[in-house]
Amino acid sequence: MYPPSMQGPAKDRSEEVDTSRRFSEVYFGYASNLAPSTMKGRCPDSVFCGLAKLKGWRWQINSTRYANIVPSEEHTVYGALFFLSPRDEAGLDHSEGVPWLYEKQWLECERVQPDGNGTGQTVPCMTYVDVQRPDEGVIEPDYVVWINKAIREAKPYGLPADYVENNIRKYIPPTSPEEEAREIQMIRVMAPRARPGGGGGPGG
């Protein structure tokens, strides 16, 4: 059974979303959402704006067999920054299971250059954190594909190789070249706006 973030489109919540704003939050995606194409598939209105690093947190696979981050003074987490539309943010909230699976936190991240070094510019970002399940676990086999995709796409934007080897690779079992290159198709987290007089969007 996949977690909410992998169960398909969220229920249409257009009645609850303030669509007068073009963007709502700057989002920091640190796991499979590190891949720009993954987020574009999940949140078509999102705009990728490079990588950032979050100090004082550590990336891990937790007891749900998926990724989360936990406070750790000596560590740093690399992630991707995206502008989210209000509708896409609402869809992510639903698919990530806020607040029962993940909770939203607003943290200061430092933007990263393509060479992997910080720019010195900090940005307040929203991210999803699982604070209820901090124990380490074994990765879900299908999730390996998602993480490998995220690594491939993020490297040209400044994801350091030593960060991958020291923080992520230990959770990922060896894969064949075919598995390494395997692609996935993301499903939008929020259904299109319902037409007047029609029913709601498709269910999960």
C-alpha atoms as a PDB file:
ATOM      1  CA  MET A   1       0.000   0.000   0.000  1.00  0.00           C
ATOM      2  CA  TYR A   2       1.522   3.313  -1.077  1.00  0.00           C
ATOM      3  CA  PRO A   3       1.498   6.353   1.234  1.00  0.00           C
ATOM      4  CA  PRO A   4      -0.863   9.229   0.366  1.00  0.00           C
ATOM      5  CA  SER A   5       1.759  10.932  -1.794  1.00  0.00           C
ATOM      6  CA  MET A   6       1.705   7.949  -4.194  1.00  0.00           C
ATOM      7  CA  GLN A   7      -1.979   7.139  -4.312  1.00  0.00           C
ATOM      8  CA  GLY A   8      -2.938   9.366  -7.243  1.00  0.00           C
ATOM      9  CA  PRO A   9      -4.741  12.672  -7.652  1.00  0.00           C
ATOM     10  CA  ALA A  10      -6.094  14.402  -4.606  1.00  0.00           C
ATOM     11  CA  LYS A  11      -9.775  15.250  -4.401  1.00  0.00           C
ATOM     12  CA  ASP A  12     -10.679  18.530  -6.118  1.00  0.00           C
ATOM     13  CA  ARG A  13     -10.610  21.226  -3.423  1.00  0.00           C
ATOM     14  CA  SER A  14     -11.043  24.285  -5.667  1.00  0.00           C
ATOM     15  CA  GLU A  15     -13.761  25.665  -3.367  1.00  0.00           C
ATOM     16  CA  GLU A  16     -11.174  26.002  -0.567  1.00  0.00           C
ATOM     17  CA  VAL A  17      -8.337  27.586  -2.528  1.00  0.00           C
ATOM     18  CA  ASP A  18      -7.622  31.293  -2.944  1.00  0.00           C
ATOM     19  CA  THR A  19      -6.926  31.419  -6.667  1.00  0.00           C
ATOM     20  CA  SER A  20      -6.453  35.206  -6.680  1.00  0.00           C
ATOM     21  CA  ARG A  21      -2.750  34.670  -5.975  1.00  0.00           C
ATOM     22  CA  ARG A  22      -0.379  33.349  -8.649  1.00  0.00           C
ATOM     23  CA  PHE A  23       1.902  31.737  -6.048  1.00  0.00           C
ATOM     24  CA  SER A  24       1.517  30.932  -2.375  1.00  0.00           C
ATOM     25  CA  GLU A  25       4.667  29.376  -0.903  1.00  0.00           C
ATOM     26  CA  VAL A  26       8.265  28.681  -1.797  1.00  0.00           C
ATOM     27  CA  TYR A  27       8.504  24.916  -1.318  1.00  0.00           C
ATOM     28  CA  PHE A  28      11.662  22.983  -0.345  1.00  0.00           C
ATOM     29  CA  GLY A  29      11.464  19.435  -1.772  1.00  0.00           C
ATOM     30  CA  TYR A  30      14.147  17.106  -0.434  1.00  0.00           C
ATOM     31  CA  ALA A  31      13.344  13.529  -1.549  1.00  0.00           C
ATOM     32  CA  SER A  32      11.721  12.417  -4.822  1.00  0.00           C
ATOM     33  CA  ASN A  33      10.482  16.025  -5.123  1.00  0.00           C
ATOM     34  CA  LEU A  34      14.114  17.052  -5.570  1.00  0.00           C
ATOM     35  CA  ALA A  35      13.629  16.215  -9.278  1.00  0.00           C
ATOM     36  CA  PRO A  36      12.233  19.182 -11.252  1.00  0.00           C
ATOM     37  CA  SER A  37      10.278  16.911 -13.623  1.00  0.00           C
ATOM     38  CA  THR A  38       8.735  15.027 -10.696  1.00  0.00           C
ATOM     39  CA  MET A  39       7.330  18.238  -9.276  1.00  0.00           C
ATOM     40  CA  LYS A  40       6.197  19.427 -12.696  1.00  0.00           C
ATOM     41  CA  GLY A  41       4.229  16.208 -13.039  1.00  0.00           C
ATOM     42  CA  ARG A  42       2.722  16.456  -9.582  1.00  0.00           C
ATOM     43  CA  CYS A  43       2.230  20.228  -9.590  1.00  0.00           C
ATOM     44  CA  PRO A  44       2.016  21.556 -13.177  1.00  0.00           C
ATOM     45  CA  ASP A  45       1.789  25.186 -12.077  1.00  0.00           C
ATOM     46  CA  SER A  46       4.987  24.985 -10.011  1.00  0.00           C
ATOM     47  CA  VAL A  47       8.109  26.886 -11.056  1.00  0.00           C
ATOM     48  CA  PHE A  48      11.533  25.385 -10.316  1.00  0.00           C
ATOM     49  CA  CYS A  49      14.069  27.924  -9.067  1.00  0.00           C
ATOM     50  CA  GLY A  50      17.201  25.918  -8.257  1.00  0.00           C
ATOM     51  CA  LEU A  51      18.585  24.055  -5.267  1.00  0.00           C
ATOM     52  CA  ALA A  52      19.019  25.086  -1.661  1.00  0.00           C
ATOM     53  CA  LYS A  53      20.521  23.575   1.461  1.00  0.00           C
ATOM     54  CA  LEU A  54      19.005  23.321   4.900  1.00  0.00           C
ATOM     55  CA  LYS A  55      21.479  23.199   7.789  1.00  0.00           C
ATOM     56  CA  GLY A  56      20.769  21.381  11.029  1.00  0.00           C
ATOM     57  CA  TRP A  57      18.693  18.575   9.485  1.00  0.00           C
ATOM     58  CA  ARG A  58      19.479  15.067   8.215  1.00  0.00           C
ATOM     59  CA  TRP A  59      17.938  13.122   5.305  1.00  0.00           C
ATOM     60  CA  GLN A  60      16.903   9.537   5.985  1.00  0.00           C
ATOM     61  CA  ILE A  61      14.543   6.709   5.109  1.00  0.00           C
ATOM     62  CA  ASN A  62      12.184   6.278   8.043  1.00  0.00           C
ATOM     63  CA  SER A  63       9.984   3.490   9.365  1.00  0.00           C
ATOM     64  CA  THR A  64       7.333   4.144   6.684  1.00  0.00           C
ATOM     65  CA  ARG A  65      10.043   3.135   4.139  1.00  0.00           C
ATOM     66  CA  TYR A  66       9.999   6.616   2.573  1.00  0.00           C
ATOM     67  CA  ALA A  67      12.114   9.724   3.108  1.00  0.00           C
ATOM     68  CA  ASN A  68      11.900  12.347   5.797  1.00  0.00           C
ATOM     69  CA  ILE A  69      14.256  14.765   7.520  1.00  0.00           C
ATOM     70  CA  VAL A  70      15.075  14.963  11.209  1.00  0.00           C
ATOM     71  CA  PRO A  71      16.889  17.637  13.241  1.00  0.00           C
ATOM     72  CA  SER A  72      20.655  17.017  13.422  1.00  0.00           C
ATOM     73  CA  GLU A  73      23.061  19.875  14.135  1.00  0.00           C
ATOM     74  CA  GLU A  74      26.009  18.449  12.200  1.00  0.00           C
ATOM     75  CA  HIS A  75      24.122  17.626   8.995  1.00  0.00           C
ATOM     76  CA  THR A  76      22.783  19.476   5.938  1.00  0.00           C
ATOM     77  CA  VAL A  77      19.934  18.538   3.589  1.00  0.00           C
ATOM     78  CA  TYR A  78      19.925  19.535  -0.093  1.00  0.00           C
ATOM     79  CA  GLY A  79      16.587  20.126  -1.764  1.00  0.00           C
ATOM     80  CA  ALA A  80      14.907  21.899  -4.658  1.00  0.00           C
ATOM     81  CA  LEU A  81      13.011  25.182  -4.440  1.00  0.00           C
ATOM     82  CA  PHE A  82       9.694  25.664  -6.203  1.00  0.00           C
ATOM     83  CA  PHE A  83       7.125  28.409  -6.330  1.00  0.00           C
ATOM     84  CA  LEU A  84       3.764  26.709  -5.751  1.00  0.00           C
ATOM     85  CA  SER A  85       0.384  27.904  -6.896  1.00  0.00           C
ATOM     86  CA  PRO A  86      -2.304  27.922  -4.164  1.00  0.00           C
ATOM     87  CA  ARG A  87      -4.072  24.994  -5.860  1.00  0.00           C
ATOM     88  CA  ASP A  88      -0.895  22.925  -6.110  1.00  0.00           C
ATOM     89  CA  GLU A  89      -0.020  23.655  -2.502  1.00  0.00           C
ATOM     90  CA  ALA A  90      -3.476  22.501  -1.404  1.00  0.00           C
ATOM     91  CA  GLY A  91      -3.030  19.373  -3.497  1.00  0.00           C
ATOM     92  CA  LEU A  92       0.345  18.623  -1.904  1.00  0.00           C
ATOM     93  CA  ASP A  93      -1.129  19.144   1.569  1.00  0.00           C
ATOM     94  CA  HIS A  94      -3.750  16.546   0.759  1.00  0.00           C
ATOM     95  CA  SER A  95      -1.429  14.015  -0.877  1.00  0.00           C
ATOM     96  CA  GLU A  96       1.237  14.345   1.828  1.00  0.00           C
ATOM     97  CA  GLY A  97      -1.353  13.681   4.510  1.00  0.00           C
ATOM     98  CA  VAL A  98      -1.123  16.979   6.408  1.00  0.00           C
ATOM     99  CA  PRO A  99      -1.311  16.942   9.369  1.00  0.00           C
ATOM    100  CA  TRP A 100      -1.615  13.239  10.252  1.00  0.00           C
ATOM    101  CA  LEU A 101       1.382  11.958   8.233  1.00  0.00           C
ATOM    102  CA  TYR A 102       3.474  15.054   7.602  1.00  0.00           C
ATOM    103  CA  GLU A 103       3.314  18.512   9.121  1.00  0.00           C
ATOM    104  CA  LYS A 104       4.264  21.772   7.446  1.00  0.00           C
ATOM    105  CA  GLN A 105       7.225  23.763   8.746  1.00  0.00           C
ATOM    106  CA  TRP A 106       8.740  27.029   7.538  1.00  0.00           C
ATOM    107  CA  LEU A 107      12.549  26.947   7.611  1.00  0.00           C
ATOM    108  CA  GLU A 108      15.420  29.139   6.380  1.00  0.00           C
ATOM    109  CA  CYS A 109      17.333  27.580   3.478  1.00  0.00           C
ATOM    110  CA  GLU A 110      20.414  28.852   1.640  1.00  0.00           C
ATOM    111  CA  ARG A 111      20.298  28.908  -2.143  1.00  0.00           C
ATOM    112  CA  VAL A 112      22.918  26.824  -3.972  1.00  0.00           C
ATOM    113  CA  GLN A 113      24.935  27.576  -7.107  1.00  0.00           C
ATOM    114  CA  PRO A 114      25.455  24.998  -9.890  1.00  0.00           C
ATOM    115  CA  ASP A 115      28.902  24.232  -8.429  1.00  0.00           C
ATOM    116  CA  GLY A 116      27.261  23.132  -5.164  1.00  0.00           C
ATOM    117  CA  ASN A 117      28.406  26.088  -3.085  1.00  0.00           C
ATOM    118  CA  GLY A 118      25.997  28.280  -1.187  1.00  0.00           C
ATOM    119  CA  THR A 119      25.179  31.760  -2.449  1.00  0.00           C
ATOM    120  CA  GLY A 120      24.829  33.317   0.994  1.00  0.00           C
ATOM    121  CA  GLN A 121      21.209  34.180   0.187  1.00  0.00           C
ATOM    122  CA  THR A 122      18.672  32.634   2.564  1.00  0.00           C
ATOM    123  CA  VAL A 123      15.041  32.004   1.676  1.00  0.00           C
ATOM    124  CA  PRO A 124      12.114  31.148   3.993  1.00  0.00           C
ATOM    125  CA  CYS A 125      10.660  27.897   2.655  1.00  0.00           C
ATOM    126  CA  MET A 126       7.794  25.591   3.455  1.00  0.00           C
ATOM    127  CA  THR A 127       8.550  21.885   3.697  1.00  0.00           C
ATOM    128  CA  TYR A 128       6.846  18.712   4.887  1.00  0.00           C
ATOM    129  CA  VAL A 129       8.336  16.991   7.919  1.00  0.00           C
ATOM    130  CA  ASP A 130       7.338  13.671   9.482  1.00  0.00           C
ATOM    131  CA  VAL A 131       7.992  14.269  13.169  1.00  0.00           C
ATOM    132  CA  GLN A 132       6.009  11.246  14.380  1.00  0.00           C
ATOM    133  CA  ARG A 133       8.176   8.547  12.791  1.00  0.00           C
ATOM    134  CA  PRO A 134      11.839   9.528  13.304  1.00  0.00           C
ATOM    135  CA  ASP A 135      13.256   5.974  13.388  1.00  0.00           C
ATOM    136  CA  GLU A 136      15.340   4.813  10.428  1.00  0.00           C
ATOM    137  CA  GLY A 137      13.936   2.112   8.160  1.00  0.00           C
ATOM    138  CA  VAL A 138      14.568   0.196   4.914  1.00  0.00           C
ATOM    139  CA  ILE A 139      13.616   1.856   1.634  1.00  0.00           C
ATOM    140  CA  GLU A 140      10.563   0.693  -0.319  1.00  0.00           C
ATOM    141  CA  PRO A 141      11.932  -0.978  -3.507  1.00  0.00           C
ATOM    142  CA  ASP A 142       9.798   1.095  -5.900  1.00  0.00           C
ATOM    143  CA  TYR A 143      10.920   4.275  -4.150  1.00  0.00           C
ATOM    144  CA  VAL A 144      14.504   3.564  -5.229  1.00  0.00           C
ATOM    145  CA  VAL A 145      13.487   4.550  -8.767  1.00  0.00           C
ATOM    146  CA  TRP A 146      12.081   7.866  -7.527  1.00  0.00           C
ATOM    147  CA  ILE A 147      15.222   8.718  -5.553  1.00  0.00           C
ATOM    148  CA  ASN A 148      17.573   7.770  -8.395  1.00  0.00           C
ATOM    149  CA  LYS A 149      15.583  10.047 -10.711  1.00  0.00           C
ATOM    150  CA  ALA A 150      15.836  12.887  -8.201  1.00  0.00           C
ATOM    151  CA  ILE A 151      19.609  12.461  -7.941  1.00  0.00           C
ATOM    152  CA  ARG A 152      20.095  12.418 -11.730  1.00  0.00           C
ATOM    153  CA  GLU A 153      18.072  15.566 -12.281  1.00  0.00           C
ATOM    154  CA  ALA A 154      19.481  17.560  -9.377  1.00  0.00           C
ATOM    155  CA  LYS A 155      23.196  17.024 -10.069  1.00  0.00           C
ATOM    156  CA  PRO A 156      23.463  19.643 -12.859  1.00  0.00           C
ATOM    157  CA  TYR A 157      21.957  22.236 -10.505  1.00  0.00           C
ATOM    158  CA  GLY A 158      24.537  21.729  -7.758  1.00  0.00           C
ATOM    159  CA  LEU A 159      23.706  18.527  -5.842  1.00  0.00           C
ATOM    160  CA  PRO A 160      27.169  17.487  -4.554  1.00  0.00           C
ATOM    161  CA  ALA A 161      28.308  13.926  -5.267  1.00  0.00           C
ATOM    162  CA  ASP A 162      29.712  13.580  -1.739  1.00  0.00           C
ATOM    163  CA  TYR A 163      26.330  14.537  -0.278  1.00  0.00           C
ATOM    164  CA  VAL A 164      24.677  11.749  -2.255  1.00  0.00           C
ATOM    165  CA  GLU A 165      27.321   9.198  -1.264  1.00  0.00           C
ATOM    166  CA  ASN A 166      27.407  10.152   2.417  1.00  0.00           C
ATOM    167  CA  ASN A 167      23.713  10.755   3.060  1.00  0.00           C
ATOM    168  CA  ILE A 168      21.530   9.010   0.474  1.00  0.00           C
ATOM    169  CA  ARG A 169      23.422   6.158  -1.161  1.00  0.00           C
ATOM    170  CA  LYS A 170      23.571   4.066   2.027  1.00  0.00           C
ATOM    171  CA  TYR A 171      19.786   3.670   1.932  1.00  0.00           C
ATOM    172  CA  ILE A 172      19.678   2.616  -1.740  1.00  0.00           C
ATOM    173  CA  PRO A 173      20.515  -0.971  -2.746  1.00  0.00           C
ATOM    174  CA  PRO A 174      22.688  -1.545  -5.836  1.00  0.00           C
ATOM    175  CA  THR A 175      20.741  -1.237  -9.088  1.00  0.00           C
ATOM    176  CA  SER A 176      21.351  -2.273 -12.685  1.00  0.00           C
ATOM    177  CA  PRO A 177      21.922   0.377 -15.386  1.00  0.00           C
ATOM    178  CA  GLU A 178      18.418  -0.371 -16.668  1.00  0.00           C
ATOM    179  CA  GLU A 179      16.894   0.201 -13.234  1.00  0.00           C
ATOM    180  CA  GLU A 180      19.017   3.306 -12.732  1.00  0.00           C
ATOM    181  CA  ALA A 181      17.646   4.839 -15.936  1.00  0.00           C
ATOM    182  CA  ARG A 182      14.037   3.731 -15.416  1.00  0.00           C
ATOM    183  CA  GLU A 183      11.522   6.551 -15.679  1.00  0.00           C
ATOM    184  CA  ILE A 184       8.310   7.124 -13.756  1.00  0.00           C
ATOM    185  CA  GLN A 185       5.205   9.081 -14.588  1.00  0.00           C
ATOM    186  CA  MET A 186       3.969  11.431 -11.905  1.00  0.00           C
ATOM    187  CA  ILE A 187       0.264  11.984 -11.293  1.00  0.00           C
ATOM    188  CA  ARG A 188      -0.983  15.476 -10.601  1.00  0.00           C
ATOM    189  CA  VAL A 189      -1.772  15.926  -6.916  1.00  0.00           C
ATOM    190  CA  MET A 190      -4.892  17.968  -7.579  1.00  0.00           C
ATOM    191  CA  ALA A 191      -7.694  17.353 -10.048  1.00  0.00           C
ATOM    192  CA  PRO A 192      -8.699  20.080 -12.543  1.00  0.00           C
ATOM    193  CA  ARG A 193     -11.280  22.610 -11.431  1.00  0.00           C
ATOM    194  CA  ALA A 194     -14.806  21.179 -11.612  1.00  0.00           C
ATOM    195  CA  ARG A 195     -17.069  22.723 -14.280  1.00  0.00           C
ATOM    196  CA  PRO A 196     -20.183  24.571 -13.097  1.00  0.00           C
ATOM    197  CA  GLY A 197     -23.054  22.137 -12.735  1.00  0.00           C
ATOM    198  CA  GLY A 198     -20.712  19.130 -12.993  1.00  0.00           C
ATOM    199  CA  GLY A 199     -19.338  16.740 -10.445  1.00  0.00           C
ATOM    200  CA  GLY A 200     -16.073  17.028  -8.611  1.00  0.00           C
ATOM    201  CA  GLY A 201     -12.739  15.845  -9.879  1.00  0.00           C
ATOM    202  CA  PRO A 202     -11.724  12.190 -10.025  1.00  0.00           C
ATOM    203  CA  GLY A 203     -11.005  10.458  -6.754  1.00  0.00           C
ATOM    204  CA  GLY A 204      -7.711   8.892  -5.675  1.00  0.00           C
END
